[in-house]
C-alpha atoms as a PDB file:
ATOM      1  CA  MET A   1     -27.681  -0.414  22.984  1.00  0.00           C
ATOM      2  CA  SER A   2     -28.910  -2.320  19.951  1.00  0.00           C
ATOM      3  CA  LYS A   3     -27.697   0.500  17.714  1.00  0.00           C
ATOM      4  CA  ILE A   4     -24.231   0.412  19.268  1.00  0.00           C
ATOM      5  CA  ILE A   5     -23.933  -3.314  18.558  1.00  0.00           C
ATOM      6  CA  LYS A   6     -25.127  -2.809  14.985  1.00  0.00           C
ATOM      7  CA  TRP A   7     -22.710   0.074  14.498  1.00  0.00           C
ATOM      8  CA  GLY A   8     -19.915  -2.106  15.847  1.00  0.00           C
ATOM      9  CA  ILE A   9     -20.622  -4.777  13.251  1.00  0.00           C
ATOM     10  CA  LEU A  10     -20.799  -2.188  10.480  1.00  0.00           C
ATOM     11  CA  GLY A  11     -17.650  -0.482  11.757  1.00  0.00           C
ATOM     12  CA  SER A  12     -15.703  -3.725  12.024  1.00  0.00           C
ATOM     13  CA  GLY A  13     -16.287  -3.618  15.777  1.00  0.00           C
ATOM     14  CA  ARG A  14     -14.377  -0.342  15.967  1.00  0.00           C
ATOM     15  CA  ILE A  15     -17.231   1.748  17.361  1.00  0.00           C
ATOM     16  CA  ALA A  16     -18.366  -1.130  19.576  1.00  0.00           C
ATOM     17  CA  HIS A  17     -14.865  -1.392  21.028  1.00  0.00           C
ATOM     18  CA  GLU A  18     -14.785   2.325  21.789  1.00  0.00           C
ATOM     19  CA  PHE A  19     -18.139   2.122  23.574  1.00  0.00           C
ATOM     20  CA  ALA A  20     -17.032  -1.023  25.396  1.00  0.00           C
ATOM     21  CA  GLU A  21     -13.979   0.796  26.727  1.00  0.00           C
END
């Protein structure tokens, strides 16, 4: 899950938001 959080920060929280959904 660490990668997802990192990706979210790098992707302006876009990827993180998609995973959160």
